[in-house]
Amino acid sequence: MTDRKMWKTGLSIGRVSEDALRRAAQAGLDLVEISCIDDPANWEKVPEWEAKTGVKVWSFHLPFAWWGSRPHADPTAADPVHWQETLDQDIPLIEGCGKAGIKYMVIHPSREPFKDEEREFYMQVAIEHLRVLSDICKKNGCVLCIEDIPRTCLGRDADEMLRFMETNPDLRICFDVNHLLREDHAEFVKKVGKYIVTTHISDYDFKDEKHWFPMQGEINWRMLQSALELADYTGPFLYETMPMGHTWADVKKNHDYLKNL
């Protein structure tokens, strides 16, 4: 059993730079998740920036945006052209993270919406494509982390997340705590806790994802943290929240408060 007071504090900040890591350090953060680097030549500078600031780039969130009717980053892309577009985006980013020493690659396992009768077909597509991406991650010293995502997306509950894990021993889970709409947090963690290596922390109303600041929604934070402790979770509390007036320094203050509930 782990101790919540040992979990480091992190924040999803988008773009990485030396200035961004310095700002994170000033806010009391231990680590960050990023999703962008302005210049590919800077990948090899990341360890230098980490050493200067004391802030670790813990994870990278792979793209999940779609433009028009063409998915540009979609593990469920059954069309070879769309799947190639996903690879063309993801492979350089994974290779860059390998150069930077960023270990965890977070990915949404699907797009949406899906009809019930489509789910099994696209689940099989996603399993195969995630295996490809996981192998690329492994070759670059990274670990592919599947994020639980809500509504009709694949990976919306523990049973679907277990299907991903059981098809590939190299996969792990990024637990987004504001994405569960079909089961409670304790139930989810009890089933898949041994695979959780990182988190996305925010609050919500149990009706849909909101990415509110913790204590603004309905999550029972004492229960959630206890469930993660029982699962021997050793990763960070990595916030993925909408600003809504909160500063980076507020993240550290909030996490310190939650630890003592």
Protein backbone atom coordinates (compact mmCIF):
# COMPACT_ATOMS: atom_id res chain seq x y z
CA MET A 1 0.00 0.00 0.00
CA THR A 2 1.37 3.38 -0.96
CA ASP A 3 1.03 6.75 0.78
CA ARG A 4 -0.77 9.60 -0.99
CA LYS A 5 1.56 12.11 0.63
CA MET A 6 4.40 10.73 -1.48
CA TRP A 7 2.65 11.39 -4.82
CA LYS A 8 4.29 14.19 -6.75
CA THR A 9 2.35 17.15 -8.12
CA GLY A 10 2.08 17.63 -11.86
CA LEU A 11 0.22 19.70 -14.45
CA SER A 12 -0.58 19.41 -18.13
CA ILE A 13 0.92 22.59 -19.61
CA GLY A 14 0.79 22.10 -23.40
CA ARG A 15 4.01 23.51 -24.88
CA VAL A 16 7.39 22.81 -23.35
CA SER A 17 10.22 25.31 -23.09
CA GLU A 18 12.85 26.24 -20.55
CA ASP A 19 10.70 29.20 -19.49
CA ALA A 20 7.66 26.95 -19.03
CA LEU A 21 9.60 24.56 -16.79
CA ARG A 22 11.01 27.47 -14.80
CA ARG A 23 7.48 28.80 -14.29
CA ALA A 24 6.38 25.32 -13.16
CA ALA A 25 9.23 25.21 -10.66
CA GLN A 26 8.26 28.61 -9.27
CA ALA A 27 4.71 27.29 -8.79
CA GLY A 28 6.02 24.36 -6.74
CA LEU A 29 5.29 21.68 -9.34
CA ASP A 30 7.41 18.53 -9.53
CA LEU A 31 6.62 17.49 -13.08
CA VAL A 32 4.55 18.29 -16.16
CA GLU A 33 2.80 16.69 -19.08
CA ILE A 34 3.25 18.31 -22.48
CA SER A 35 1.60 17.97 -25.87
CA CYS A 36 3.73 20.21 -28.07
CA ILE A 37 7.30 21.31 -28.76
CA ASP A 38 7.82 24.29 -31.04
CA ASP A 39 11.06 23.15 -32.64
CA PRO A 40 11.94 19.44 -33.12
CA ALA A 41 15.58 20.40 -32.64
CA ASN A 42 14.74 21.16 -29.00
CA TRP A 43 13.93 17.57 -28.03
CA GLU A 44 17.52 16.98 -26.96
CA LYS A 45 17.46 20.19 -24.89
CA VAL A 46 14.70 18.93 -22.60
CA PRO A 47 17.05 17.09 -20.17
CA GLU A 48 19.10 20.28 -19.89
CA TRP A 49 15.98 22.30 -19.10
CA GLU A 50 14.94 19.71 -16.51
CA ALA A 51 18.35 19.89 -14.83
CA LYS A 52 18.23 23.70 -14.69
CA THR A 53 14.71 23.91 -13.27
CA GLY A 54 14.31 20.70 -11.28
CA VAL A 55 11.01 19.94 -13.06
CA LYS A 56 10.61 16.64 -14.91
CA VAL A 57 8.71 16.27 -18.20
CA TRP A 58 6.84 13.17 -17.09
CA SER A 59 4.58 12.48 -20.07
CA PHE A 60 3.54 13.53 -23.55
CA HIS A 61 -0.07 13.55 -24.73
CA LEU A 62 -0.27 12.34 -28.31
CA PRO A 63 -2.63 14.23 -30.67
CA PHE A 64 -6.34 13.53 -30.56
CA ALA A 65 -7.82 16.30 -32.73
CA TRP A 66 -9.96 15.90 -35.82
CA TRP A 67 -10.51 18.44 -38.56
CA GLY A 68 -13.65 18.28 -40.70
CA SER A 69 -14.57 14.69 -41.45
CA ARG A 70 -10.98 13.38 -41.55
CA PRO A 71 -9.52 12.00 -38.33
CA HIS A 72 -5.84 12.97 -38.06
CA ALA A 73 -5.03 11.02 -34.92
CA ASP A 74 -7.19 7.98 -34.46
CA PRO A 75 -6.22 4.44 -33.38
CA THR A 76 -9.61 3.28 -34.68
CA ALA A 77 -8.92 4.53 -38.22
CA ALA A 78 -9.99 1.60 -40.40
CA ASP A 79 -9.17 3.51 -43.59
CA PRO A 80 -5.46 2.94 -44.38
CA VAL A 81 -5.08 6.58 -45.46
CA HIS A 82 -6.37 7.86 -42.12
CA TRP A 83 -4.28 5.36 -40.20
CA GLN A 84 -1.19 6.48 -42.07
CA GLU A 85 -2.02 10.08 -41.12
CA THR A 86 -2.06 8.99 -37.49
CA LEU A 87 1.31 7.29 -37.83
CA ASP A 88 2.76 10.30 -39.66
CA GLN A 89 1.81 12.48 -36.69
CA ASP A 90 2.64 10.13 -33.85
CA ILE A 91 5.93 8.52 -34.89
CA PRO A 92 8.03 11.73 -34.95
CA LEU A 93 6.60 12.71 -31.57
CA ILE A 94 7.41 9.32 -30.03
CA GLU A 95 10.92 9.47 -31.47
CA GLY A 96 11.33 12.99 -30.10
CA CYS A 97 10.24 11.88 -26.65
CA GLY A 98 12.77 9.07 -26.86
CA LYS A 99 15.51 11.64 -27.47
CA ALA A 100 14.22 13.79 -24.61
CA GLY A 101 13.94 10.90 -22.15
CA ILE A 102 10.17 11.36 -21.74
CA LYS A 103 8.90 7.94 -20.69
CA TYR A 104 5.11 8.01 -20.81
CA MET A 105 3.07 8.56 -23.97
CA VAL A 106 -0.62 9.17 -23.27
CA ILE A 107 -3.13 8.34 -26.01
CA HIS A 108 -6.89 8.38 -26.48
CA PRO A 109 -7.78 4.89 -27.74
CA SER A 110 -10.56 6.07 -30.05
CA ARG A 111 -12.69 8.79 -31.50
CA GLU A 112 -16.48 8.93 -31.18
CA PRO A 113 -19.39 8.45 -31.60
CA PHE A 114 -19.77 4.70 -32.00
CA LYS A 115 -23.00 2.76 -32.29
CA ASP A 116 -23.30 -0.32 -30.10
CA GLU A 117 -23.16 -2.61 -33.12
CA GLU A 118 -19.88 -0.99 -34.25
CA ARG A 119 -17.95 -1.28 -31.01
CA GLU A 120 -16.49 -4.75 -31.45
CA PHE A 121 -15.22 -4.05 -34.98
CA TYR A 122 -13.51 -0.85 -33.92
CA MET A 123 -12.22 -2.43 -30.72
CA GLN A 124 -10.33 -4.95 -32.84
CA VAL A 125 -8.97 -2.16 -35.06
CA ALA A 126 -7.84 -0.21 -32.00
CA ILE A 127 -6.19 -3.26 -30.39
CA GLU A 128 -4.10 -3.88 -33.51
CA HIS A 129 -3.17 -0.24 -34.06
CA LEU A 130 -2.30 0.34 -30.42
CA ARG A 131 0.00 -2.67 -30.62
CA VAL A 132 1.83 -0.98 -33.51
CA LEU A 133 2.19 2.28 -31.59
CA SER A 134 3.20 0.46 -28.42
CA ASP A 135 5.99 -1.34 -30.29
CA ILE A 136 7.24 2.00 -31.63
CA CYS A 137 7.16 3.43 -28.11
CA LYS A 138 9.09 0.47 -26.73
CA LYS A 139 11.81 0.87 -29.38
CA ASN A 140 12.21 4.48 -28.24
CA GLY A 141 12.30 3.74 -24.52
CA CYS A 142 8.73 4.91 -23.92
CA VAL A 143 5.55 3.34 -22.54
CA LEU A 144 2.18 3.79 -24.27
CA CYS A 145 -0.54 4.71 -21.75
CA ILE A 146 -4.18 4.28 -22.73
CA GLU A 147 -6.46 6.96 -21.30
CA ASP A 148 -9.98 6.04 -20.22
CA ILE A 149 -12.37 8.24 -22.19
CA PRO A 150 -16.14 8.76 -21.81
CA ARG A 151 -19.51 8.49 -23.55
CA THR A 152 -19.37 6.18 -26.61
CA CYS A 153 -15.56 6.15 -26.86
CA LEU A 154 -13.69 2.87 -26.54
CA GLY A 155 -12.12 2.56 -23.11
CA ARG A 156 -15.09 4.05 -21.30
CA ASP A 157 -15.04 1.55 -18.42
CA ALA A 158 -12.72 -0.87 -16.65
CA ASP A 159 -13.78 -3.90 -18.67
CA GLU A 160 -12.88 -2.23 -21.96
CA MET A 161 -9.62 -0.96 -20.51
CA LEU A 162 -8.81 -4.50 -19.37
CA ARG A 163 -9.30 -5.75 -22.92
CA PHE A 164 -6.59 -3.37 -24.09
CA MET A 165 -4.25 -4.36 -21.26
CA GLU A 166 -4.76 -8.09 -21.71
CA THR A 167 -3.95 -7.97 -25.43
CA ASN A 168 -0.58 -6.28 -24.90
CA PRO A 169 1.59 -6.62 -21.78
CA ASP A 170 3.47 -3.41 -22.65
CA LEU A 171 0.42 -1.13 -22.35
CA ARG A 172 -0.38 0.86 -19.24
CA ILE A 173 -3.19 3.21 -18.15
CA CYS A 174 -3.51 6.96 -17.72
CA PHE A 175 -6.44 7.28 -15.32
CA ASP A 176 -8.47 10.37 -16.18
CA VAL A 177 -10.66 10.66 -13.12
CA ASN A 178 -13.26 12.94 -14.73
CA HIS A 179 -14.03 10.54 -17.58
CA LEU A 180 -15.86 7.78 -15.69
CA LEU A 181 -19.59 7.80 -16.43
CA ARG A 182 -20.45 4.09 -16.09
CA GLU A 183 -18.84 3.04 -12.76
CA ASP A 184 -17.43 4.65 -9.65
CA HIS A 185 -13.76 5.36 -9.07
CA ALA A 186 -13.18 2.65 -6.46
CA GLU A 187 -14.66 -0.01 -8.74
CA PHE A 188 -12.54 1.12 -11.68
CA VAL A 189 -9.31 1.21 -9.66
CA LYS A 190 -10.01 -2.18 -8.07
CA LYS A 191 -10.21 -3.76 -11.54
CA VAL A 192 -7.35 -2.00 -13.35
CA GLY A 193 -5.28 -0.37 -10.62
CA LYS A 194 -2.16 -2.45 -11.23
CA TYR A 195 -1.91 -0.96 -14.72
CA ILE A 196 -2.28 2.71 -13.72
CA VAL A 197 1.04 4.58 -14.00
CA THR A 198 -0.15 8.16 -14.40
CA THR A 199 -3.25 10.30 -13.96
CA HIS A 200 -5.26 13.22 -15.26
CA ILE A 201 -6.74 14.96 -12.24
CA SER A 202 -9.83 17.20 -12.39
CA ASP A 203 -13.39 17.26 -11.09
CA TYR A 204 -16.83 16.86 -12.69
CA ASP A 205 -20.54 16.32 -12.10
CA PHE A 206 -20.74 12.61 -13.08
CA LYS A 207 -22.86 13.65 -16.08
CA ASP A 208 -20.04 14.46 -18.49
CA GLU A 209 -16.38 15.45 -18.38
CA LYS A 210 -15.83 18.99 -17.12
CA HIS A 211 -12.13 19.30 -16.15
CA TRP A 212 -13.07 21.45 -13.19
CA PHE A 213 -10.61 22.16 -10.40
CA PRO A 214 -10.75 19.50 -7.63
CA MET A 215 -13.39 20.26 -4.99
CA GLN A 216 -15.59 22.06 -7.56
CA GLY A 217 -17.43 18.88 -8.55
CA GLU A 218 -18.72 15.65 -7.07
CA ILE A 219 -15.65 13.40 -6.79
CA ASN A 220 -15.06 11.91 -3.34
CA TRP A 221 -11.35 12.67 -3.18
CA ARG A 222 -10.72 10.83 0.06
CA MET A 223 -12.20 7.64 -1.40
CA LEU A 224 -10.42 8.02 -4.73
CA GLN A 225 -7.03 8.51 -3.10
CA SER A 226 -7.62 5.56 -0.77
CA ALA A 227 -8.44 3.35 -3.75
CA LEU A 228 -5.20 4.36 -5.47
CA GLU A 229 -3.23 3.74 -2.28
CA LEU A 230 -4.70 0.23 -2.02
CA ALA A 231 -3.69 -0.35 -5.66
CA ASP A 232 -0.09 0.62 -4.78
CA TYR A 233 -0.17 3.60 -7.14
CA THR A 234 3.23 5.34 -7.24
CA GLY A 235 2.77 7.87 -10.06
CA PRO A 236 1.92 11.57 -9.78
CA PHE A 237 -1.26 13.55 -9.24
CA LEU A 238 -1.10 15.22 -12.64
CA TYR A 239 -3.72 17.92 -13.06
CA GLU A 240 -5.49 18.40 -16.39
CA THR A 241 -7.86 21.24 -15.55
CA MET A 242 -9.38 24.22 -17.31
CA PRO A 243 -7.90 27.47 -15.92
CA MET A 244 -11.14 29.09 -14.64
CA GLY A 245 -9.16 31.61 -12.60
CA HIS A 246 -6.73 29.13 -11.06
CA THR A 247 -2.99 29.61 -11.28
CA TRP A 248 -0.24 27.01 -11.52
CA ALA A 249 0.60 27.72 -7.89
CA ASP A 250 -3.01 26.88 -6.96
CA VAL A 251 -2.42 23.36 -8.28
CA LYS A 252 0.24 22.72 -5.65
CA LYS A 253 -1.95 24.21 -2.90
CA ASN A 254 -4.92 22.11 -3.99
CA HIS A 255 -2.91 18.91 -4.09
CA ASP A 256 -1.49 19.56 -0.62
CA TYR A 257 -5.07 20.00 0.62
CA LEU A 258 -6.27 16.75 -1.01
CA LYS A 259 -3.39 14.77 0.48
CA ASN A 260 -4.61 15.68 3.96
CA LEU A 261 -8.27 14.79 3.55
